[in-house]
Amino acid sequence: MDAAALKSIKVKTGTLRRLRKELDMYIQEQVKESANVEKLKADGADIHDVKYAENILAESVGMIPDTRQRLSQALEQLQSALDQAGDDSSPEVRAAREEVEAVATLA
């Protein structure tokens, strides 16, 4: 496999890894902010504080579908590149296949 194709696979693998971490972060943030909103409501906090916390939660929730879509697109692109790589066993290709498996467990 030529160097340009390996570099492309390495870049696509990095993109997929970054998007997977980004999705994990948004999901964790959703859980955290949801708990924060519930705590504020239970404590009888000022309505403005509750609304502000709800806005933060809504932003996190709103980013999840977009991130999932970008993750799906990156996965398709990487899988296409791996299909072209065939049985290449270079470290870049192995790392890419591991990342594809890690993302497949999210679905």
PDB file of N, CA and C in Angstrom:
ATOM      1  N   MET A   1       0.850  -1.172   0.000  1.00  0.00           N
ATOM      2  CA  MET A   1       0.000   0.000   0.000  1.00  0.00           C
ATOM      3  C   MET A   1       0.898   1.239   0.000  1.00  0.00           C
ATOM      4  N   ASP A   2       0.524   2.221  -0.776  1.00  0.00           N
ATOM      5  CA  ASP A   2       1.379   3.403  -0.888  1.00  0.00           C
ATOM      6  C   ASP A   2       1.241   4.332   0.320  1.00  0.00           C
ATOM      7  N   ALA A   3       2.204   5.221   0.463  1.00  0.00           N
ATOM      8  CA  ALA A   3       2.275   6.108   1.627  1.00  0.00           C
ATOM      9  C   ALA A   3       1.085   7.054   1.701  1.00  0.00           C
ATOM     10  N   ALA A   4       0.602   7.525   0.570  1.00  0.00           N
ATOM     11  CA  ALA A   4      -0.536   8.454   0.571  1.00  0.00           C
ATOM     12  C   ALA A   4      -1.796   7.777   1.102  1.00  0.00           C
ATOM     13  N   ALA A   5      -2.010   6.525   0.720  1.00  0.00           N
ATOM     14  CA  ALA A   5      -3.181   5.792   1.193  1.00  0.00           C
ATOM     15  C   ALA A   5      -3.075   5.519   2.690  1.00  0.00           C
ATOM     16  N   LEU A   6      -1.881   5.176   3.159  1.00  0.00           N
ATOM     17  CA  LEU A   6      -1.692   4.944   4.598  1.00  0.00           C
ATOM     18  C   LEU A   6      -1.912   6.224   5.391  1.00  0.00           C
ATOM     19  N   LYS A   7      -1.434   7.340   4.854  1.00  0.00           N
ATOM     20  CA  LYS A   7      -1.630   8.621   5.535  1.00  0.00           C
ATOM     21  C   LYS A   7      -3.115   8.959   5.597  1.00  0.00           C
ATOM     22  N   SER A   8      -3.832   8.703   4.526  1.00  0.00           N
ATOM     23  CA  SER A   8      -5.269   8.949   4.489  1.00  0.00           C
ATOM     24  C   SER A   8      -5.990   8.103   5.539  1.00  0.00           C
ATOM     25  N   ILE A   9      -5.607   6.842   5.645  1.00  0.00           N
ATOM     26  CA  ILE A   9      -6.215   5.959   6.648  1.00  0.00           C
ATOM     27  C   ILE A   9      -5.902   6.460   8.051  1.00  0.00           C
ATOM     28  N   LYS A  10      -4.680   6.904   8.266  1.00  0.00           N
ATOM     29  CA  LYS A  10      -4.289   7.411   9.583  1.00  0.00           C
ATOM     30  C   LYS A  10      -5.108   8.649   9.948  1.00  0.00           C
ATOM     31  N   VAL A  11      -5.307   9.555   9.005  1.00  0.00           N
ATOM     32  CA  VAL A  11      -6.095  10.769   9.248  1.00  0.00           C
ATOM     33  C   VAL A  11      -7.553  10.408   9.529  1.00  0.00           C
ATOM     34  N   LYS A  12      -8.107   9.500   8.746  1.00  0.00           N
ATOM     35  CA  LYS A  12      -9.500   9.094   8.931  1.00  0.00           C
ATOM     36  C   LYS A  12      -9.690   8.362  10.255  1.00  0.00           C
ATOM     37  N   THR A  13      -8.687   7.608  10.661  1.00  0.00           N
ATOM     38  CA  THR A  13      -8.742   6.938  11.962  1.00  0.00           C
ATOM     39  C   THR A  13      -8.753   7.966  13.086  1.00  0.00           C
ATOM     40  N   GLY A  14      -7.916   8.977  12.983  1.00  0.00           N
ATOM     41  CA  GLY A  14      -7.884  10.046  13.983  1.00  0.00           C
ATOM     42  C   GLY A  14      -9.200  10.792  14.056  1.00  0.00           C
ATOM     43  N   THR A  15      -9.802  11.037  12.905  1.00  0.00           N
ATOM     44  CA  THR A  15     -11.100  11.713  12.866  1.00  0.00           C
ATOM     45  C   THR A  15     -12.155  10.872  13.567  1.00  0.00           C
ATOM     46  N   LEU A  16     -12.173   9.587  13.271  1.00  0.00           N
ATOM     47  CA  LEU A  16     -13.150   8.690  13.887  1.00  0.00           C
ATOM     48  C   LEU A  16     -12.950   8.628  15.399  1.00  0.00           C
ATOM     49  N   ARG A  17     -11.704   8.551  15.831  1.00  0.00           N
ATOM     50  CA  ARG A  17     -11.393   8.496  17.265  1.00  0.00           C
ATOM     51  C   ARG A  17     -11.865   9.775  17.965  1.00  0.00           C
ATOM     52  N   ARG A  18     -11.580  10.931  17.340  1.00  0.00           N
ATOM     53  CA  ARG A  18     -11.968  12.214  17.924  1.00  0.00           C
ATOM     54  C   ARG A  18     -13.488  12.325  18.028  1.00  0.00           C
ATOM     55  N   LEU A  19     -14.208  11.915  16.989  1.00  0.00           N
ATOM     56  CA  LEU A  19     -15.666  11.992  17.017  1.00  0.00           C
ATOM     57  C   LEU A  19     -16.263  11.028  18.038  1.00  0.00           C
ATOM     58  N   ARG A  20     -15.644   9.857  18.206  1.00  0.00           N
ATOM     59  CA  ARG A  20     -16.127   8.911  19.226  1.00  0.00           C
ATOM     60  C   ARG A  20     -15.980   9.515  20.614  1.00  0.00           C
ATOM     61  N   LYS A  21     -14.834  10.141  20.861  1.00  0.00           N
ATOM     62  CA  LYS A  21     -14.609  10.779  22.160  1.00  0.00           C
ATOM     63  C   LYS A  21     -15.553  11.960  22.357  1.00  0.00           C
ATOM     64  N   GLU A  22     -15.800  12.701  21.291  1.00  0.00           N
ATOM     65  CA  GLU A  22     -16.707  13.845  21.364  1.00  0.00           C
ATOM     66  C   GLU A  22     -18.120  13.381  21.709  1.00  0.00           C
ATOM     67  N   LEU A  23     -18.576  12.303  21.083  1.00  0.00           N
ATOM     68  CA  LEU A  23     -19.899  11.765  21.377  1.00  0.00           C
ATOM     69  C   LEU A  23     -19.976  11.306  22.829  1.00  0.00           C
ATOM     70  N   ASP A  24     -18.955  10.606  23.295  1.00  0.00           N
ATOM     71  CA  ASP A  24     -18.918  10.180  24.699  1.00  0.00           C
ATOM     72  C   ASP A  24     -19.006  11.379  25.635  1.00  0.00           C
ATOM     73  N   MET A  25     -18.291  12.449  25.299  1.00  0.00           N
ATOM     74  CA  MET A  25     -18.291  13.644  26.133  1.00  0.00           C
ATOM     75  C   MET A  25     -19.684  14.271  26.193  1.00  0.00           C
ATOM     76  N   TYR A  26     -20.363  14.370  25.043  1.00  0.00           N
ATOM     77  CA  TYR A  26     -21.701  14.960  25.026  1.00  0.00           C
ATOM     78  C   TYR A  26     -22.695  14.108  25.807  1.00  0.00           C
ATOM     79  N   ILE A  27     -22.566  12.799  25.726  1.00  0.00           N
ATOM     80  CA  ILE A  27     -23.464  11.923  26.476  1.00  0.00           C
ATOM     81  C   ILE A  27     -23.223  12.079  27.977  1.00  0.00           C
ATOM     82  N   GLN A  28     -21.957  12.132  28.384  1.00  0.00           N
ATOM     83  CA  GLN A  28     -21.640  12.342  29.802  1.00  0.00           C
ATOM     84  C   GLN A  28     -22.140  13.703  30.274  1.00  0.00           C
ATOM     85  N   GLU A  29     -21.973  14.710  29.428  1.00  0.00           N
ATOM     86  CA  GLU A  29     -22.426  16.055  29.776  1.00  0.00           C
ATOM     87  C   GLU A  29     -23.946  16.087  29.913  1.00  0.00           C
ATOM     88  N   GLN A  30     -24.645  15.347  29.062  1.00  0.00           N
ATOM     89  CA  GLN A  30     -26.097  15.285  29.145  1.00  0.00           C
ATOM     90  C   GLN A  30     -26.532  14.701  30.488  1.00  0.00           C
ATOM     91  N   VAL A  31     -25.887  13.630  30.897  1.00  0.00           N
ATOM     92  CA  VAL A  31     -26.223  12.998  32.175  1.00  0.00           C
ATOM     93  C   VAL A  31     -25.946  13.960  33.326  1.00  0.00           C
ATOM     94  N   LYS A  32     -24.782  14.607  33.285  1.00  0.00           N
ATOM     95  CA  LYS A  32     -24.387  15.529  34.352  1.00  0.00           C
ATOM     96  C   LYS A  32     -25.335  16.726  34.432  1.00  0.00           C
ATOM     97  N   GLU A  33     -25.625  17.326  33.293  1.00  0.00           N
ATOM     98  CA  GLU A  33     -26.478  18.514  33.287  1.00  0.00           C
ATOM     99  C   GLU A  33     -27.927  18.174  33.621  1.00  0.00           C
ATOM    100  N   SER A  34     -28.367  16.993  33.231  1.00  0.00           N
ATOM    101  CA  SER A  34     -29.716  16.558  33.582  1.00  0.00           C
ATOM    102  C   SER A  34     -29.850  16.423  35.097  1.00  0.00           C
ATOM    103  N   ALA A  35     -28.830  15.849  35.715  1.00  0.00           N
ATOM    104  CA  ALA A  35     -28.832  15.727  37.176  1.00  0.00           C
ATOM    105  C   ALA A  35     -28.782  17.104  37.827  1.00  0.00           C
ATOM    106  N   ASN A  36     -28.031  18.021  37.232  1.00  0.00           N
ATOM    107  CA  ASN A  36     -27.933  19.378  37.764  1.00  0.00           C
ATOM    108  C   ASN A  36     -29.287  20.083  37.702  1.00  0.00           C
ATOM    109  N   VAL A  37     -30.008  19.936  36.585  1.00  0.00           N
ATOM    110  CA  VAL A  37     -31.327  20.560  36.446  1.00  0.00           C
ATOM    111  C   VAL A  37     -32.278  19.999  37.494  1.00  0.00           C
ATOM    112  N   GLU A  38     -32.275  18.688  37.656  1.00  0.00           N
ATOM    113  CA  GLU A  38     -33.154  18.064  38.650  1.00  0.00           C
ATOM    114  C   GLU A  38     -32.815  18.531  40.063  1.00  0.00           C
ATOM    115  N   LYS A  39     -31.535  18.664  40.356  1.00  0.00           N
ATOM    116  CA  LYS A  39     -31.110  19.128  41.678  1.00  0.00           C
ATOM    117  C   LYS A  39     -31.573  20.561  41.914  1.00  0.00           C
ATOM    118  N   LEU A  40     -31.411  21.409  40.907  1.00  0.00           N
ATOM    119  CA  LEU A  40     -31.848  22.800  41.044  1.00  0.00           C
ATOM    120  C   LEU A  40     -33.352  22.879  41.279  1.00  0.00           C
ATOM    121  N   LYS A  41     -34.109  22.080  40.547  1.00  0.00           N
ATOM    122  CA  LYS A  41     -35.564  22.072  40.725  1.00  0.00           C
ATOM    123  C   LYS A  41     -35.940  21.565  42.114  1.00  0.00           C
ATOM    124  N   ALA A  42     -35.261  20.515  42.570  1.00  0.00           N
ATOM    125  CA  ALA A  42     -35.561  19.941  43.882  1.00  0.00           C
ATOM    126  C   ALA A  42     -35.209  20.904  45.008  1.00  0.00           C
ATOM    127  N   ASP A  43     -34.144  21.683  44.813  1.00  0.00           N
ATOM    128  CA  ASP A  43     -33.719  22.636  45.832  1.00  0.00           C
ATOM    129  C   ASP A  43     -34.522  23.926  45.794  1.00  0.00           C
ATOM    130  N   GLY A  44     -35.400  24.063  44.808  1.00  0.00           N
ATOM    131  CA  GLY A  44     -36.195  25.278  44.696  1.00  0.00           C
ATOM    132  C   GLY A  44     -35.359  26.482  44.299  1.00  0.00           C
ATOM    133  N   ALA A  45     -34.405  26.274  43.419  1.00  0.00           N
ATOM    134  CA  ALA A  45     -33.511  27.354  42.984  1.00  0.00           C
ATOM    135  C   ALA A  45     -34.285  28.401  42.187  1.00  0.00           C
ATOM    136  N   ASP A  46     -33.662  29.544  42.028  1.00  0.00           N
ATOM    137  CA  ASP A  46     -34.243  30.642  41.263  1.00  0.00           C
ATOM    138  C   ASP A  46     -34.583  30.154  39.851  1.00  0.00           C
ATOM    139  N   ILE A  47     -35.712  30.620  39.322  1.00  0.00           N
ATOM    140  CA  ILE A  47     -36.188  30.174  38.014  1.00  0.00           C
ATOM    141  C   ILE A  47     -35.178  30.467  36.906  1.00  0.00           C
ATOM    142  N   HIS A  48     -34.444  31.570  37.041  1.00  0.00           N
ATOM    143  CA  HIS A  48     -33.445  31.924  36.031  1.00  0.00           C
ATOM    144  C   HIS A  48     -32.274  30.932  36.033  1.00  0.00           C
ATOM    145  N   ASP A  49     -31.896  30.485  37.218  1.00  0.00           N
ATOM    146  CA  ASP A  49     -30.828  29.487  37.312  1.00  0.00           C
ATOM    147  C   ASP A  49     -31.262  28.167  36.674  1.00  0.00           C
ATOM    148  N   VAL A  50     -32.520  27.801  36.914  1.00  0.00           N
ATOM    149  CA  VAL A  50     -33.054  26.567  36.340  1.00  0.00           C
ATOM    150  C   VAL A  50     -33.105  26.677  34.814  1.00  0.00           C
ATOM    151  N   LYS A  51     -33.595  27.804  34.316  1.00  0.00           N
ATOM    152  CA  LYS A  51     -33.675  28.009  32.861  1.00  0.00           C
ATOM    153  C   LYS A  51     -32.284  27.974  32.227  1.00  0.00           C
ATOM    154  N   TYR A  52     -31.314  28.587  32.885  1.00  0.00           N
ATOM    155  CA  TYR A  52     -29.944  28.594  32.374  1.00  0.00           C
ATOM    156  C   TYR A  52     -29.403  27.164  32.296  1.00  0.00           C
ATOM    157  N   ALA A  53     -29.639  26.389  33.349  1.00  0.00           N
ATOM    158  CA  ALA A  53     -29.188  24.996  33.371  1.00  0.00           C
ATOM    159  C   ALA A  53     -29.908  24.178  32.296  1.00  0.00           C
ATOM    160  N   GLU A  54     -31.189  24.459  32.077  1.00  0.00           N
ATOM    161  CA  GLU A  54     -31.939  23.758  31.034  1.00  0.00           C
ATOM    162  C   GLU A  54     -31.403  24.100  29.647  1.00  0.00           C
ATOM    163  N   ASN A  55     -30.990  25.353  29.452  1.00  0.00           N
ATOM    164  CA  ASN A  55     -30.406  25.751  28.168  1.00  0.00           C
ATOM    165  C   ASN A  55     -29.090  25.016  27.912  1.00  0.00           C
ATOM    166  N   ILE A  56     -28.282  24.892  28.948  1.00  0.00           N
ATOM    167  CA  ILE A  56     -27.018  24.154  28.818  1.00  0.00           C
ATOM    168  C   ILE A  56     -27.312  22.697  28.458  1.00  0.00           C
ATOM    169  N   LEU A  57     -28.298  22.116  29.127  1.00  0.00           N
ATOM    170  CA  LEU A  57     -28.692  20.734  28.843  1.00  0.00           C
ATOM    171  C   LEU A  57     -29.184  20.600  27.401  1.00  0.00           C
ATOM    172  N   ALA A  58     -29.992  21.540  26.955  1.00  0.00           N
ATOM    173  CA  ALA A  58     -30.527  21.487  25.592  1.00  0.00           C
ATOM    174  C   ALA A  58     -29.412  21.567  24.550  1.00  0.00           C
ATOM    175  N   GLU A  59     -28.393  22.369  24.818  1.00  0.00           N
ATOM    176  CA  GLU A  59     -27.265  22.466  23.889  1.00  0.00           C
ATOM    177  C   GLU A  59     -26.540  21.124  23.780  1.00  0.00           C
ATOM    178  N   SER A  60     -26.327  20.479  24.917  1.00  0.00           N
ATOM    179  CA  SER A  60     -25.647  19.180  24.905  1.00  0.00           C
ATOM    180  C   SER A  60     -26.479  18.141  24.165  1.00  0.00           C
ATOM    181  N   VAL A  61     -27.764  18.117  24.460  1.00  0.00           N
ATOM    182  CA  VAL A  61     -28.654  17.154  23.816  1.00  0.00           C
ATOM    183  C   VAL A  61     -28.718  17.419  22.308  1.00  0.00           C
ATOM    184  N   GLY A  62     -28.711  18.679  21.929  1.00  0.00           N
ATOM    185  CA  GLY A  62     -28.776  19.035  20.517  1.00  0.00           C
ATOM    186  C   GLY A  62     -27.540  18.650  19.729  1.00  0.00           C
ATOM    187  N   MET A  63     -26.416  18.533  20.387  1.00  0.00           N
ATOM    188  CA  MET A  63     -25.173  18.181  19.697  1.00  0.00           C
ATOM    189  C   MET A  63     -25.043  16.682  19.441  1.00  0.00           C
ATOM    190  N   ILE A  64     -25.772  15.879  20.174  1.00  0.00           N
ATOM    191  CA  ILE A  64     -25.633  14.428  20.053  1.00  0.00           C
ATOM    192  C   ILE A  64     -26.024  13.916  18.658  1.00  0.00           C
ATOM    193  N   PRO A  65     -27.187  14.298  18.101  1.00  0.00           N
ATOM    194  CA  PRO A  65     -27.522  13.788  16.759  1.00  0.00           C
ATOM    195  C   PRO A  65     -26.522  14.219  15.683  1.00  0.00           C
ATOM    196  N   ASP A  66     -26.065  15.468  15.750  1.00  0.00           N
ATOM    197  CA  ASP A  66     -25.084  15.955  14.780  1.00  0.00           C
ATOM    198  C   ASP A  66     -23.781  15.169  14.887  1.00  0.00           C
ATOM    199  N   THR A  67     -23.343  14.924  16.095  1.00  0.00           N
ATOM    200  CA  THR A  67     -22.102  14.183  16.297  1.00  0.00           C
ATOM    201  C   THR A  67     -22.253  12.741  15.831  1.00  0.00           C
ATOM    202  N   ARG A  68     -23.410  12.138  16.099  1.00  0.00           N
ATOM    203  CA  ARG A  68     -23.661  10.771  15.617  1.00  0.00           C
ATOM    204  C   ARG A  68     -23.611  10.716  14.088  1.00  0.00           C
ATOM    205  N   GLN A  69     -24.180  11.726  13.440  1.00  0.00           N
ATOM    206  CA  GLN A  69     -24.177  11.763  11.978  1.00  0.00           C
ATOM    207  C   GLN A  69     -22.750  11.896  11.439  1.00  0.00           C
ATOM    208  N   ARG A  70     -21.975  12.799  12.023  1.00  0.00           N
ATOM    209  CA  ARG A  70     -20.589  12.971  11.586  1.00  0.00           C
ATOM    210  C   ARG A  70     -19.774  11.711  11.854  1.00  0.00           C
ATOM    211  N   LEU A  71     -20.052  11.045  12.976  1.00  0.00           N
ATOM    212  CA  LEU A  71     -19.371   9.791  13.308  1.00  0.00           C
ATOM    213  C   LEU A  71     -19.706   8.717  12.274  1.00  0.00           C
ATOM    214  N   SER A  72     -20.963   8.645  11.899  1.00  0.00           N
ATOM    215  CA  SER A  72     -21.394   7.673  10.899  1.00  0.00           C
ATOM    216  C   SER A  72     -20.719   7.928   9.551  1.00  0.00           C
ATOM    217  N   GLN A  73     -20.633   9.183   9.152  1.00  0.00           N
ATOM    218  CA  GLN A  73     -19.974   9.528   7.891  1.00  0.00           C
ATOM    219  C   GLN A  73     -18.487   9.178   7.937  1.00  0.00           C
ATOM    220  N   ALA A  74     -17.841   9.491   9.047  1.00  0.00           N
ATOM    221  CA  ALA A  74     -16.416   9.185   9.188  1.00  0.00           C
ATOM    222  C   ALA A  74     -16.188   7.679   9.171  1.00  0.00           C
ATOM    223  N   LEU A  75     -17.097   6.940   9.792  1.00  0.00           N
ATOM    224  CA  LEU A  75     -16.998   5.480   9.801  1.00  0.00           C
ATOM    225  C   LEU A  75     -17.108   4.921   8.381  1.00  0.00           C
ATOM    226  N   GLU A  76     -18.063   5.425   7.616  1.00  0.00           N
ATOM    227  CA  GLU A  76     -18.226   4.971   6.233  1.00  0.00           C
ATOM    228  C   GLU A  76     -16.973   5.258   5.407  1.00  0.00           C
ATOM    229  N   GLN A  77     -16.415   6.454   5.571  1.00  0.00           N
ATOM    230  CA  GLN A  77     -15.218   6.821   4.816  1.00  0.00           C
ATOM    231  C   GLN A  77     -14.036   5.928   5.179  1.00  0.00           C
ATOM    232  N   LEU A  78     -13.881   5.658   6.471  1.00  0.00           N
ATOM    233  CA  LEU A  78     -12.770   4.810   6.896  1.00  0.00           C
ATOM    234  C   LEU A  78     -12.965   3.378   6.419  1.00  0.00           C
ATOM    235  N   GLN A  79     -14.186   2.876   6.511  1.00  0.00           N
ATOM    236  CA  GLN A  79     -14.438   1.513   6.040  1.00  0.00           C
ATOM    237  C   GLN A  79     -14.163   1.391   4.543  1.00  0.00           C
ATOM    238  N   SER A  80     -14.517   2.419   3.795  1.00  0.00           N
ATOM    239  CA  SER A  80     -14.234   2.423   2.358  1.00  0.00           C
ATOM    240  C   SER A  80     -12.726   2.368   2.104  1.00  0.00           C
ATOM    241  N   ALA A  81     -11.982   3.156   2.856  1.00  0.00           N
ATOM    242  CA  ALA A  81     -10.521   3.156   2.710  1.00  0.00           C
ATOM    243  C   ALA A  81      -9.939   1.803   3.113  1.00  0.00           C
ATOM    244  N   LEU A  82     -10.505   1.189   4.146  1.00  0.00           N
ATOM    245  CA  LEU A  82     -10.022  -0.126   4.579  1.00  0.00           C
ATOM    246  C   LEU A  82     -10.358  -1.207   3.554  1.00  0.00           C
ATOM    247  N   ASP A  83     -11.499  -1.074   2.900  1.00  0.00           N
ATOM    248  CA  ASP A  83     -11.846  -2.031   1.847  1.00  0.00           C
ATOM    249  C   ASP A  83     -10.824  -1.973   0.720  1.00  0.00           C
ATOM    250  N   GLN A  84     -10.370  -0.773   0.412  1.00  0.00           N
ATOM    251  CA  GLN A  84      -9.366  -0.610  -0.634  1.00  0.00           C
ATOM    252  C   GLN A  84      -8.003  -1.132  -0.174  1.00  0.00           C
ATOM    253  N   ALA A  85      -7.767  -1.092   1.133  1.00  0.00           N
ATOM    254  CA  ALA A  85      -6.487  -1.562   1.671  1.00  0.00           C
ATOM    255  C   ALA A  85      -6.367  -3.077   1.582  1.00  0.00           C
ATOM    256  N   GLY A  86      -7.499  -3.754   1.583  1.00  0.00           N
ATOM    257  CA  GLY A  86      -7.473  -5.213   1.479  1.00  0.00           C
ATOM    258  C   GLY A  86      -6.904  -5.863   2.724  1.00  0.00           C
ATOM    259  N   ASP A  87      -5.936  -6.752   2.533  1.00  0.00           N
ATOM    260  CA  ASP A  87      -5.357  -7.523   3.636  1.00  0.00           C
ATOM    261  C   ASP A  87      -4.083  -6.899   4.191  1.00  0.00           C
ATOM    262  N   ASP A  88      -3.876  -5.635   3.936  1.00  0.00           N
ATOM    263  CA  ASP A  88      -2.681  -4.944   4.437  1.00  0.00           C
ATOM    264  C   ASP A  88      -2.646  -5.059   5.960  1.00  0.00           C
ATOM    265  N   SER A  89      -1.486  -5.395   6.504  1.00  0.00           N
ATOM    266  CA  SER A  89      -1.375  -5.571   7.957  1.00  0.00           C
ATOM    267  C   SER A  89      -0.455  -4.531   8.584  1.00  0.00           C
ATOM    268  N   SER A  90      -0.372  -3.367   7.979  1.00  0.00           N
ATOM    269  CA  SER A  90       0.467  -2.303   8.539  1.00  0.00           C
ATOM    270  C   SER A  90      -0.143  -1.812   9.852  1.00  0.00           C
ATOM    271  N   PRO A  91       0.646  -1.178  10.700  1.00  0.00           N
ATOM    272  CA  PRO A  91       0.130  -0.684  11.981  1.00  0.00           C
ATOM    273  C   PRO A  91      -1.031   0.299  11.811  1.00  0.00           C
ATOM    274  N   GLU A  92      -0.981   1.118  10.766  1.00  0.00           N
ATOM    275  CA  GLU A  92      -2.047   2.087  10.526  1.00  0.00           C
ATOM    276  C   GLU A  92      -3.372   1.383  10.231  1.00  0.00           C
ATOM    277  N   VAL A  93      -3.305   0.346   9.433  1.00  0.00           N
ATOM    278  CA  VAL A  93      -4.513  -0.392   9.061  1.00  0.00           C
ATOM    279  C   VAL A  93      -5.055  -1.153  10.266  1.00  0.00           C
ATOM    280  N   ARG A  94      -4.158  -1.750  11.048  1.00  0.00           N
ATOM    281  CA  ARG A  94      -4.609  -2.456  12.256  1.00  0.00           C
ATOM    282  C   ARG A  94      -5.273  -1.493  13.228  1.00  0.00           C
ATOM    283  N   ALA A  95      -4.680  -0.317  13.429  1.00  0.00           N
ATOM    284  CA  ALA A  95      -5.264   0.688  14.327  1.00  0.00           C
ATOM    285  C   ALA A  95      -6.625   1.141  13.809  1.00  0.00           C
ATOM    286  N   ALA A  96      -6.744   1.293  12.503  1.00  0.00           N
ATOM    287  CA  ALA A  96      -8.014   1.710  11.907  1.00  0.00           C
ATOM    288  C   ALA A  96      -9.089   0.653  12.134  1.00  0.00           C
ATOM    289  N   ARG A  97      -8.715  -0.606  11.966  1.00  0.00           N
ATOM    290  CA  ARG A  97      -9.699  -1.686  12.167  1.00  0.00           C
ATOM    291  C   ARG A  97     -10.134  -1.764  13.634  1.00  0.00           C
ATOM    292  N   GLU A  98      -9.213  -1.536  14.551  1.00  0.00           N
ATOM    293  CA  GLU A  98      -9.559  -1.527  15.978  1.00  0.00           C
ATOM    294  C   GLU A  98     -10.526  -0.387  16.287  1.00  0.00           C
ATOM    295  N   GLU A  99     -10.292   0.770  15.693  1.00  0.00           N
ATOM    296  CA  GLU A  99     -11.167   1.922  15.928  1.00  0.00           C
ATOM    297  C   GLU A  99     -12.559   1.667  15.347  1.00  0.00           C
ATOM    298  N   VAL A 100     -12.617   1.039  14.192  1.00  0.00           N
ATOM    299  CA  VAL A 100     -13.908   0.695  13.588  1.00  0.00           C
ATOM    300  C   VAL A 100     -14.675  -0.247  14.510  1.00  0.00           C
ATOM    301  N   GLU A 101     -13.985  -1.225  15.094  1.00  0.00           N
ATOM    302  CA  GLU A 101     -14.634  -2.149  16.027  1.00  0.00           C
ATOM    303  C   GLU A 101     -15.126  -1.418  17.270  1.00  0.00           C
ATOM    304  N   ALA A 102     -14.338  -0.470  17.771  1.00  0.00           N
ATOM    305  CA  ALA A 102     -14.738   0.298  18.956  1.00  0.00           C
ATOM    306  C   ALA A 102     -15.988   1.121  18.674  1.00  0.00           C
ATOM    307  N   VAL A 103     -16.062   1.701  17.493  1.00  0.00           N
ATOM    308  CA  VAL A 103     -17.232   2.507  17.133  1.00  0.00           C
ATOM    309  C   VAL A 103     -18.438   1.609  16.894  1.00  0.00           C
ATOM    310  N   ALA A 104     -18.219   0.426  16.360  1.00  0.00           N
ATOM    311  CA  ALA A 104     -19.323  -0.500  16.101  1.00  0.00           C
ATOM    312  C   ALA A 104     -20.023  -0.905  17.396  1.00  0.00           C
ATOM    313  N   THR A 105     -19.312  -0.923  18.504  1.00  0.00           N
ATOM    314  CA  THR A 105     -19.931  -1.280  19.784  1.00  0.00           C
ATOM    315  C   THR A 105     -20.853  -0.181  20.297  1.00  0.00           C
ATOM    316  N   LEU A 106     -20.685   1.055  19.798  1.00  0.00           N
ATOM    317  CA  LEU A 106     -21.554   2.158  20.218  1.00  0.00           C
ATOM    318  C   LEU A 106     -22.935   2.059  19.601  1.00  0.00           C
ATOM    319  N   ALA A 107     -23.020   1.463  18.435  1.00  0.00           N
ATOM    320  CA  ALA A 107     -24.281   1.436  17.688  1.00  0.00           C
ATOM    321  C   ALA A 107     -25.272   0.459  18.237  1.00  0.00           C
TER     322      ALA A 107
END
